[in-house]
């Protein structure tokens, strides 16, 4: 009867497997670092709830930010996205409270990105906060990309002696 041997990695194969494992580990670490840089939520920030509404003339965004003042909120808007970020600070505990039994409210840094698929006027955007609701108005503008414009063609009759601009007449 013949013996069956189990396949094991030999010295060279084992080295290659270790190198591959190390490369995959480095790749994983690099991807995780890049994700945290692109996505602030990966770094421990919380995302406030958002309502996005479309009206005929504007896009309205309502963001729940109870306990956050206007000076603690930052807004950045481009033609493709609205970014909301800031920090909600925890207030000092009241006298007589020994410890919290339950705390479900979010504190610390917050961030939210809202993708925009409308053509908006970035310069005319407005925002105000009242009663814990941040209300942002982004006025719409007519999208001119891909639209057809009519170009007027004028007629100019050329005179035989007239030379196009920039050319000098030759002396005979």
N, C-alpha and C. Protein backbone atom coordinates (compact mmCIF):
# COMPACT_ATOMS: atom_id res chain seq x y z
N UNK A 1 0.83 -1.18 0.00
CA UNK A 1 0.00 0.00 0.00
C UNK A 1 0.87 1.24 0.00
N UNK A 2 0.38 2.29 -0.70
CA UNK A 2 1.14 3.53 -0.78
C UNK A 2 0.72 4.50 0.33
N UNK A 3 1.63 5.33 0.71
CA UNK A 3 1.35 6.33 1.74
C UNK A 3 0.90 7.63 1.10
N UNK A 4 -0.06 8.29 1.70
CA UNK A 4 -0.54 9.58 1.21
C UNK A 4 0.06 10.66 2.10
N UNK A 5 0.76 11.58 1.45
CA UNK A 5 1.36 12.69 2.20
C UNK A 5 0.48 13.93 2.08
N UNK A 6 0.36 14.66 3.15
CA UNK A 6 -0.36 15.92 3.10
C UNK A 6 0.56 16.98 2.51
N UNK A 7 -0.02 17.86 1.74
CA UNK A 7 0.77 18.93 1.11
C UNK A 7 1.03 20.03 2.13
N UNK A 8 2.28 20.34 2.29
CA UNK A 8 2.68 21.43 3.18
C UNK A 8 3.57 22.39 2.40
N UNK A 9 3.53 23.62 2.82
CA UNK A 9 4.39 24.61 2.16
C UNK A 9 5.83 24.34 2.53
N UNK A 10 6.66 24.28 1.50
CA UNK A 10 8.08 24.09 1.74
C UNK A 10 8.70 25.44 2.09
N UNK A 11 10.00 25.46 2.31
CA UNK A 11 10.69 26.68 2.73
C UNK A 11 10.42 27.87 1.82
N UNK A 12 10.60 27.72 0.51
CA UNK A 12 10.40 28.82 -0.43
C UNK A 12 8.93 29.20 -0.52
N UNK A 13 8.03 28.24 -0.57
CA UNK A 13 6.59 28.52 -0.62
C UNK A 13 6.14 29.23 0.65
N UNK A 14 6.68 28.82 1.78
CA UNK A 14 6.33 29.44 3.06
C UNK A 14 6.75 30.92 3.06
N UNK A 15 7.96 31.21 2.54
CA UNK A 15 8.42 32.60 2.46
C UNK A 15 7.51 33.44 1.57
N UNK A 16 7.10 32.88 0.44
CA UNK A 16 6.20 33.60 -0.47
C UNK A 16 4.85 33.86 0.19
N UNK A 17 4.32 32.90 0.91
CA UNK A 17 3.05 33.08 1.61
C UNK A 17 3.17 34.16 2.69
N UNK A 18 4.28 34.19 3.42
CA UNK A 18 4.48 35.22 4.44
C UNK A 18 4.57 36.60 3.80
N UNK A 19 5.28 36.70 2.67
CA UNK A 19 5.38 37.98 1.95
C UNK A 19 4.01 38.45 1.48
N UNK A 20 3.24 37.51 0.94
CA UNK A 20 1.89 37.86 0.48
C UNK A 20 1.03 38.34 1.64
N UNK A 21 1.10 37.63 2.78
CA UNK A 21 0.33 38.03 3.96
C UNK A 21 0.73 39.43 4.42
N UNK A 22 2.04 39.73 4.42
CA UNK A 22 2.52 41.05 4.82
C UNK A 22 2.04 42.13 3.85
N UNK A 23 2.07 41.84 2.56
CA UNK A 23 1.60 42.82 1.56
C UNK A 23 0.11 43.10 1.72
N UNK A 24 -0.67 42.05 1.94
CA UNK A 24 -2.10 42.22 2.14
C UNK A 24 -2.36 43.05 3.40
N UNK A 25 -1.59 42.81 4.45
CA UNK A 25 -1.72 43.60 5.69
C UNK A 25 -1.41 45.07 5.46
N UNK A 26 -0.36 45.37 4.69
CA UNK A 26 -0.02 46.76 4.38
C UNK A 26 -1.10 47.42 3.53
N UNK A 27 -1.62 46.66 2.56
CA UNK A 27 -2.69 47.18 1.72
C UNK A 27 -3.93 47.48 2.54
N UNK A 28 -4.29 46.58 3.44
CA UNK A 28 -5.45 46.79 4.31
C UNK A 28 -5.26 48.05 5.17
N UNK A 29 -4.08 48.23 5.74
CA UNK A 29 -3.81 49.41 6.57
C UNK A 29 -3.90 50.69 5.75
N UNK A 30 -3.37 50.67 4.52
CA UNK A 30 -3.43 51.85 3.65
C UNK A 30 -4.87 52.17 3.26
N UNK A 31 -5.66 51.15 2.96
CA UNK A 31 -7.07 51.38 2.61
C UNK A 31 -7.86 51.93 3.79
N UNK A 32 -7.59 51.43 4.97
CA UNK A 32 -8.30 51.91 6.16
C UNK A 32 -7.95 53.38 6.43
N UNK A 33 -6.68 53.74 6.27
CA UNK A 33 -6.25 55.13 6.48
C UNK A 33 -6.89 56.05 5.45
N UNK A 34 -6.95 55.62 4.20
CA UNK A 34 -7.57 56.42 3.14
C UNK A 34 -9.06 56.58 3.37
N UNK A 35 -9.72 55.54 3.85
CA UNK A 35 -11.15 55.61 4.13
C UNK A 35 -11.43 56.61 5.24
N UNK A 36 -10.62 56.61 6.28
CA UNK A 36 -10.83 57.55 7.38
C UNK A 36 -10.60 58.98 6.94
N UNK A 37 -9.66 59.20 6.01
CA UNK A 37 -9.41 60.55 5.51
C UNK A 37 -10.57 61.04 4.65
N UNK A 38 -11.15 60.13 3.82
CA UNK A 38 -12.26 60.52 2.95
C UNK A 38 -13.59 60.54 3.67
N UNK A 39 -13.75 59.72 4.69
CA UNK A 39 -15.02 59.61 5.39
C UNK A 39 -14.83 59.96 6.85
N UNK A 40 -15.16 61.20 7.24
CA UNK A 40 -14.96 61.60 8.62
C UNK A 40 -15.72 60.74 9.62
N UNK A 41 -16.80 60.07 9.18
CA UNK A 41 -17.57 59.23 10.09
C UNK A 41 -16.76 58.04 10.56
N UNK A 42 -15.80 57.60 9.72
CA UNK A 42 -14.97 56.47 10.11
C UNK A 42 -14.07 56.82 11.29
N UNK A 43 -13.84 58.11 11.51
CA UNK A 43 -12.95 58.53 12.59
C UNK A 43 -13.72 58.84 13.87
N UNK A 44 -14.99 58.43 13.97
CA UNK A 44 -15.73 58.60 15.21
C UNK A 44 -16.73 59.74 15.21
N UNK A 45 -16.87 60.48 14.12
CA UNK A 45 -17.85 61.56 14.06
C UNK A 45 -19.24 60.95 13.88
N UNK A 46 -20.26 61.70 14.29
CA UNK A 46 -21.63 61.23 14.09
C UNK A 46 -22.29 62.06 12.99
N UNK A 47 -23.32 61.53 12.38
CA UNK A 47 -24.00 62.18 11.27
C UNK A 47 -25.40 62.61 11.70
N UNK A 48 -25.68 63.92 11.63
CA UNK A 48 -27.04 64.37 11.99
C UNK A 48 -28.05 63.97 10.92
N UNK A 49 -29.32 63.71 11.32
CA UNK A 49 -30.35 63.37 10.35
C UNK A 49 -30.69 64.56 9.46
N UNK A 50 -31.01 64.27 8.20
CA UNK A 50 -31.23 65.30 7.19
C UNK A 50 -32.52 65.04 6.43
N UNK A 51 -33.28 66.09 6.14
CA UNK A 51 -34.41 66.05 5.20
C UNK A 51 -34.00 66.87 3.99
N UNK A 52 -34.18 66.32 2.80
CA UNK A 52 -33.84 66.99 1.55
C UNK A 52 -35.11 67.16 0.75
N UNK A 53 -35.47 68.41 0.43
CA UNK A 53 -36.72 68.69 -0.27
C UNK A 53 -36.45 69.54 -1.50
N UNK A 54 -37.23 69.29 -2.56
CA UNK A 54 -37.09 70.08 -3.78
C UNK A 54 -38.34 70.91 -3.98
N UNK A 55 -38.14 72.20 -4.20
CA UNK A 55 -39.22 73.12 -4.57
C UNK A 55 -38.96 73.56 -6.01
N UNK A 56 -39.85 74.35 -6.55
CA UNK A 56 -39.70 74.79 -7.93
C UNK A 56 -38.44 75.63 -8.10
N UNK A 57 -38.17 76.50 -7.13
CA UNK A 57 -37.06 77.45 -7.28
C UNK A 57 -35.83 77.15 -6.42
N UNK A 58 -35.91 76.16 -5.52
CA UNK A 58 -34.78 75.92 -4.61
C UNK A 58 -34.80 74.50 -4.06
N UNK A 59 -33.66 74.13 -3.51
CA UNK A 59 -33.51 72.89 -2.76
C UNK A 59 -33.45 73.29 -1.29
N UNK A 60 -34.25 72.64 -0.45
CA UNK A 60 -34.28 72.94 0.98
C UNK A 60 -33.73 71.74 1.75
N UNK A 61 -32.85 72.01 2.68
CA UNK A 61 -32.27 70.95 3.50
C UNK A 61 -32.49 71.32 4.96
N UNK A 62 -33.09 70.38 5.71
CA UNK A 62 -33.29 70.56 7.15
C UNK A 62 -32.39 69.55 7.86
N UNK A 63 -31.63 70.04 8.83
CA UNK A 63 -30.69 69.20 9.56
C UNK A 63 -30.99 69.32 11.04
N UNK A 64 -31.16 68.18 11.72
CA UNK A 64 -31.41 68.20 13.17
C UNK A 64 -30.09 68.38 13.91
N UNK A 65 -29.95 69.52 14.59
CA UNK A 65 -28.76 69.80 15.39
C UNK A 65 -29.15 70.45 16.71
N UNK A 66 -29.91 69.73 17.56
CA UNK A 66 -30.32 70.32 18.83
C UNK A 66 -29.11 70.60 19.73
N UNK A 67 -29.13 71.76 20.36
CA UNK A 67 -28.05 72.11 21.28
C UNK A 67 -26.80 72.63 20.61
N UNK A 68 -26.85 72.84 19.30
CA UNK A 68 -25.68 73.33 18.57
C UNK A 68 -25.95 74.77 18.15
N UNK A 69 -24.99 75.66 18.43
CA UNK A 69 -25.12 77.06 18.05
C UNK A 69 -24.60 77.32 16.66
N UNK A 70 -24.98 78.45 16.09
CA UNK A 70 -24.57 78.81 14.73
C UNK A 70 -23.05 78.88 14.61
N UNK A 71 -22.37 79.28 15.68
CA UNK A 71 -20.91 79.40 15.64
C UNK A 71 -20.21 78.04 15.70
N UNK A 72 -20.94 76.97 15.95
CA UNK A 72 -20.36 75.63 16.01
C UNK A 72 -20.61 74.81 14.74
N UNK A 73 -21.23 75.45 13.73
CA UNK A 73 -21.60 74.78 12.49
C UNK A 73 -20.79 75.36 11.34
N UNK A 74 -20.28 74.47 10.50
CA UNK A 74 -19.58 74.88 9.28
C UNK A 74 -20.31 74.29 8.08
N UNK A 75 -20.43 75.09 7.02
CA UNK A 75 -21.06 74.63 5.79
C UNK A 75 -20.11 74.89 4.63
N UNK A 76 -20.01 73.92 3.74
CA UNK A 76 -19.26 74.09 2.50
C UNK A 76 -20.11 73.55 1.37
N UNK A 77 -20.27 74.34 0.32
CA UNK A 77 -21.11 73.90 -0.79
C UNK A 77 -20.34 74.06 -2.10
N UNK A 78 -20.44 73.03 -2.94
CA UNK A 78 -19.88 73.07 -4.28
C UNK A 78 -21.02 72.76 -5.24
N UNK A 79 -20.71 72.65 -6.50
CA UNK A 79 -21.76 72.36 -7.47
C UNK A 79 -22.25 70.91 -7.37
N UNK A 80 -21.51 70.06 -6.64
CA UNK A 80 -21.91 68.65 -6.56
C UNK A 80 -22.27 68.17 -5.16
N UNK A 81 -21.92 68.93 -4.11
CA UNK A 81 -22.23 68.44 -2.76
C UNK A 81 -22.30 69.58 -1.75
N UNK A 82 -23.02 69.29 -0.67
CA UNK A 82 -23.10 70.16 0.50
C UNK A 82 -22.46 69.41 1.65
N UNK A 83 -21.52 70.05 2.33
CA UNK A 83 -20.86 69.42 3.47
C UNK A 83 -21.18 70.22 4.72
N UNK A 84 -21.65 69.51 5.76
CA UNK A 84 -22.00 70.11 7.04
C UNK A 84 -21.11 69.46 8.08
N UNK A 85 -20.39 70.26 8.88
CA UNK A 85 -19.55 69.68 9.92
C UNK A 85 -19.41 70.66 11.07
N UNK A 86 -19.00 70.12 12.20
CA UNK A 86 -18.83 70.94 13.39
C UNK A 86 -18.65 70.05 14.61
N UNK A 87 -18.96 70.62 15.77
CA UNK A 87 -18.82 69.87 17.01
C UNK A 87 -19.90 70.30 18.00
N UNK A 88 -20.55 69.30 18.57
CA UNK A 88 -21.55 69.53 19.62
C UNK A 88 -20.87 69.20 20.95
N UNK A 89 -20.73 70.21 21.77
CA UNK A 89 -20.02 70.02 23.04
C UNK A 89 -20.99 69.59 24.14
N UNK A 90 -20.49 68.72 25.01
CA UNK A 90 -21.28 68.26 26.14
C UNK A 90 -21.22 69.33 27.22
N UNK A 91 -22.36 69.70 27.73
CA UNK A 91 -22.42 70.70 28.80
C UNK A 91 -22.12 70.03 30.14
N UNK A 92 -21.68 70.81 31.09
CA UNK A 92 -21.37 70.27 32.41
C UNK A 92 -22.63 69.70 33.05
N UNK A 93 -22.44 68.65 33.83
CA UNK A 93 -23.59 68.02 34.48
C UNK A 93 -24.15 68.93 35.57
N UNK A 94 -25.41 68.77 35.81
CA UNK A 94 -26.08 69.57 36.84
C UNK A 94 -25.70 69.06 38.22
N UNK A 95 -25.87 69.90 39.19
CA UNK A 95 -25.59 69.49 40.57
C UNK A 95 -26.56 68.40 41.00
N UNK A 96 -26.08 67.47 41.76
CA UNK A 96 -26.92 66.41 42.28
C UNK A 96 -26.92 65.16 41.42
N UNK A 97 -26.44 65.25 40.17
CA UNK A 97 -26.40 64.07 39.32
C UNK A 97 -25.09 63.34 39.59
N UNK A 98 -25.22 62.09 40.03
CA UNK A 98 -24.03 61.30 40.32
C UNK A 98 -23.47 60.66 39.05
N UNK A 99 -24.35 60.07 38.24
CA UNK A 99 -23.92 59.46 36.99
C UNK A 99 -25.13 59.32 36.07
N UNK A 100 -24.86 59.16 34.79
CA UNK A 100 -25.93 58.95 33.83
C UNK A 100 -26.30 57.47 33.82
N UNK A 101 -27.58 57.19 33.83
CA UNK A 101 -28.05 55.82 33.70
C UNK A 101 -28.23 55.47 32.22
N UNK A 102 -28.54 56.49 31.44
CA UNK A 102 -28.72 56.30 30.01
C UNK A 102 -28.44 57.64 29.33
N UNK A 103 -27.67 57.65 28.28
CA UNK A 103 -27.42 58.86 27.50
C UNK A 103 -27.42 58.47 26.03
N UNK A 104 -28.46 58.88 25.31
CA UNK A 104 -28.61 58.50 23.91
C UNK A 104 -28.33 59.64 22.96
N UNK A 105 -28.07 60.83 23.46
CA UNK A 105 -27.78 61.96 22.59
C UNK A 105 -26.33 61.91 22.13
N UNK A 106 -26.10 62.41 20.92
CA UNK A 106 -24.76 62.39 20.34
C UNK A 106 -24.01 63.67 20.68
N UNK A 107 -22.73 63.52 21.00
CA UNK A 107 -21.85 64.64 21.27
C UNK A 107 -20.55 64.43 20.51
N UNK A 108 -19.80 65.49 20.39
CA UNK A 108 -18.52 65.42 19.70
C UNK A 108 -18.63 65.94 18.28
N UNK A 109 -17.67 65.57 17.48
CA UNK A 109 -17.62 66.05 16.10
C UNK A 109 -18.71 65.38 15.27
N UNK A 110 -19.30 66.18 14.37
CA UNK A 110 -20.29 65.64 13.46
C UNK A 110 -19.94 66.05 12.04
N UNK A 111 -20.42 65.27 11.09
CA UNK A 111 -20.16 65.54 9.69
C UNK A 111 -21.23 64.87 8.84
N UNK A 112 -21.62 65.55 7.78
CA UNK A 112 -22.62 64.99 6.87
C UNK A 112 -22.37 65.57 5.49
N UNK A 113 -22.38 64.72 4.48
CA UNK A 113 -22.24 65.16 3.09
C UNK A 113 -23.53 64.82 2.36
N UNK A 114 -24.11 65.82 1.71
CA UNK A 114 -25.34 65.64 0.95
C UNK A 114 -25.00 65.84 -0.53
N UNK A 115 -25.10 64.78 -1.34
CA UNK A 115 -24.82 64.95 -2.78
C UNK A 115 -25.90 65.80 -3.44
N UNK A 116 -25.49 66.65 -4.37
CA UNK A 116 -26.43 67.53 -5.07
C UNK A 116 -26.44 67.17 -6.55
N UNK A 117 -27.63 66.94 -7.09
CA UNK A 117 -27.74 66.61 -8.50
C UNK A 117 -28.43 67.72 -9.29
N UNK A 118 -28.61 68.86 -8.67
CA UNK A 118 -29.25 70.00 -9.30
C UNK A 118 -28.20 71.07 -9.55
N UNK A 119 -28.49 71.93 -10.51
CA UNK A 119 -27.64 73.10 -10.72
C UNK A 119 -28.12 74.17 -9.76
N UNK A 120 -27.24 74.59 -8.85
CA UNK A 120 -27.63 75.55 -7.82
C UNK A 120 -26.71 76.76 -7.86
N UNK A 121 -27.22 77.84 -7.29
CA UNK A 121 -26.44 79.06 -7.16
C UNK A 121 -25.70 78.99 -5.83
N UNK A 122 -24.43 78.68 -5.87
CA UNK A 122 -23.62 78.53 -4.67
C UNK A 122 -23.52 79.85 -3.92
N UNK A 123 -23.41 80.94 -4.64
CA UNK A 123 -23.23 82.26 -4.02
C UNK A 123 -24.49 82.77 -3.30
N UNK A 124 -25.66 82.28 -3.70
CA UNK A 124 -26.90 82.75 -3.10
C UNK A 124 -27.46 81.80 -2.04
N UNK A 125 -26.68 80.82 -1.64
CA UNK A 125 -27.12 79.87 -0.62
C UNK A 125 -27.25 80.58 0.73
N UNK A 126 -28.27 80.19 1.51
CA UNK A 126 -28.48 80.76 2.84
C UNK A 126 -28.69 79.65 3.85
N UNK A 127 -28.41 79.96 5.11
CA UNK A 127 -28.62 78.98 6.19
C UNK A 127 -28.93 79.71 7.48
N UNK A 128 -29.85 79.14 8.26
CA UNK A 128 -30.16 79.68 9.58
C UNK A 128 -30.57 78.54 10.50
N UNK A 129 -30.27 78.71 11.78
CA UNK A 129 -30.65 77.68 12.75
C UNK A 129 -31.62 78.27 13.74
N UNK A 130 -32.69 77.51 14.02
CA UNK A 130 -33.70 77.93 14.99
C UNK A 130 -34.33 76.66 15.59
N UNK A 131 -34.47 76.64 16.90
CA UNK A 131 -35.08 75.51 17.60
C UNK A 131 -34.42 74.17 17.27
N UNK A 132 -33.11 74.17 17.10
CA UNK A 132 -32.38 72.94 16.86
C UNK A 132 -32.45 72.41 15.44
N UNK A 133 -33.04 73.17 14.52
CA UNK A 133 -33.15 72.77 13.12
C UNK A 133 -32.37 73.77 12.26
N UNK A 134 -31.38 73.25 11.54
CA UNK A 134 -30.62 74.06 10.58
C UNK A 134 -31.36 73.99 9.26
N UNK A 135 -31.75 75.15 8.73
CA UNK A 135 -32.49 75.23 7.47
C UNK A 135 -31.58 75.87 6.42
N UNK A 136 -31.31 75.12 5.36
CA UNK A 136 -30.42 75.57 4.31
C UNK A 136 -31.23 75.70 3.02
N UNK A 137 -31.08 76.84 2.34
CA UNK A 137 -31.76 77.07 1.06
C UNK A 137 -30.71 77.21 -0.03
N UNK A 138 -30.83 76.37 -1.04
CA UNK A 138 -29.93 76.40 -2.19
C UNK A 138 -30.76 76.74 -3.42
N UNK A 139 -30.72 78.00 -3.88
CA UNK A 139 -31.53 78.38 -5.05
C UNK A 139 -31.08 77.64 -6.30
N UNK A 140 -32.05 77.19 -7.07
CA UNK A 140 -31.75 76.49 -8.33
C UNK A 140 -31.45 77.52 -9.41
N UNK A 141 -30.63 77.12 -10.35
CA UNK A 141 -30.39 77.91 -11.55
C UNK A 141 -30.63 77.01 -12.74
N UNK A 142 -30.89 77.64 -13.87
CA UNK A 142 -31.13 76.87 -15.08
C UNK A 142 -29.84 76.20 -15.51
N UNK A 143 -29.91 74.92 -15.73
CA UNK A 143 -28.73 74.16 -16.15
C UNK A 143 -28.48 74.43 -17.62
N UNK A 144 -27.30 74.95 -17.91
CA UNK A 144 -26.99 75.29 -19.30
C UNK A 144 -26.14 74.24 -19.98
N UNK A 145 -25.67 73.26 -19.22
CA UNK A 145 -24.86 72.21 -19.83
C UNK A 145 -25.75 71.35 -20.71
N UNK A 146 -25.33 71.12 -21.91
CA UNK A 146 -26.09 70.27 -22.82
C UNK A 146 -27.26 70.98 -23.47
N UNK A 147 -27.54 72.22 -23.06
CA UNK A 147 -28.63 72.98 -23.67
C UNK A 147 -28.18 73.55 -25.00
N UNK A 148 -29.13 73.77 -25.87
CA UNK A 148 -28.81 74.31 -27.18
C UNK A 148 -29.04 75.82 -27.18
N UNK A 149 -28.06 76.54 -27.67
CA UNK A 149 -28.15 77.99 -27.79
C UNK A 149 -28.18 78.35 -29.26
N UNK A 150 -28.96 79.34 -29.58
CA UNK A 150 -29.04 79.80 -30.96
C UNK A 150 -27.97 80.87 -31.17
N UNK A 151 -27.18 80.69 -32.20
CA UNK A 151 -26.14 81.65 -32.55
C UNK A 151 -26.58 82.35 -33.82
N UNK A 152 -26.60 83.67 -33.77
CA UNK A 152 -27.03 84.47 -34.91
C UNK A 152 -25.88 84.53 -35.92
N UNK A 153 -26.21 84.26 -37.16
CA UNK A 153 -25.24 84.32 -38.23
C UNK A 153 -25.47 85.61 -38.99
N UNK A 154 -24.43 86.43 -39.06
CA UNK A 154 -24.57 87.70 -39.78
C UNK A 154 -23.93 87.56 -41.15
N UNK A 155 -24.34 88.41 -42.04
CA UNK A 155 -23.83 88.37 -43.40
C UNK A 155 -22.97 89.60 -43.62
N UNK A 156 -21.83 89.39 -44.23
CA UNK A 156 -20.95 90.51 -44.53
C UNK A 156 -20.50 90.32 -45.96
N UNK A 157 -20.84 91.28 -46.79
CA UNK A 157 -20.44 91.16 -48.18
C UNK A 157 -19.03 91.69 -48.31
N UNK A 158 -18.19 90.90 -48.91
CA UNK A 158 -16.79 91.28 -49.06
C UNK A 158 -16.63 92.15 -50.29
N UNK A 159 -15.86 93.19 -50.14
CA UNK A 159 -15.53 94.07 -51.25
C UNK A 159 -14.23 93.55 -51.83
N UNK A 160 -14.09 93.59 -53.12
CA UNK A 160 -12.94 93.00 -53.78
C UNK A 160 -11.62 93.59 -53.29
N UNK A 161 -11.58 94.88 -53.00
CA UNK A 161 -10.33 95.52 -52.58
C UNK A 161 -10.08 95.37 -51.09
N UNK A 162 -11.09 94.95 -50.37
CA UNK A 162 -10.96 94.88 -48.91
C UNK A 162 -10.16 93.65 -48.51
N UNK A 163 -9.20 93.83 -47.64
CA UNK A 163 -8.36 92.74 -47.14
C UNK A 163 -8.83 92.36 -45.75
N UNK A 164 -8.70 91.07 -45.40
CA UNK A 164 -9.02 90.67 -44.02
C UNK A 164 -8.11 91.41 -43.04
N UNK A 165 -8.61 91.65 -41.85
CA UNK A 165 -7.84 92.37 -40.83
C UNK A 165 -6.53 91.65 -40.55
N UNK A 166 -5.52 92.41 -40.31
CA UNK A 166 -4.23 91.85 -39.94
C UNK A 166 -3.33 91.62 -41.15
N UNK A 167 -3.85 91.77 -42.38
CA UNK A 167 -3.00 91.61 -43.55
C UNK A 167 -2.70 92.98 -44.13
N UNK A 168 -1.49 93.13 -44.58
CA UNK A 168 -1.08 94.41 -45.21
C UNK A 168 -1.16 94.26 -46.72
N UNK A 169 -1.52 95.32 -47.35
CA UNK A 169 -1.56 95.25 -48.82
C UNK A 169 -0.15 95.29 -49.36
N UNK A 170 0.07 94.57 -50.45
CA UNK A 170 1.39 94.50 -51.06
C UNK A 170 1.58 95.66 -52.03
N UNK A 171 2.76 96.21 -52.01
CA UNK A 171 3.08 97.30 -52.93
C UNK A 171 3.40 96.72 -54.29
N UNK A 172 2.94 97.40 -55.38
CA UNK A 172 3.17 96.90 -56.75
C UNK A 172 4.37 97.53 -57.35
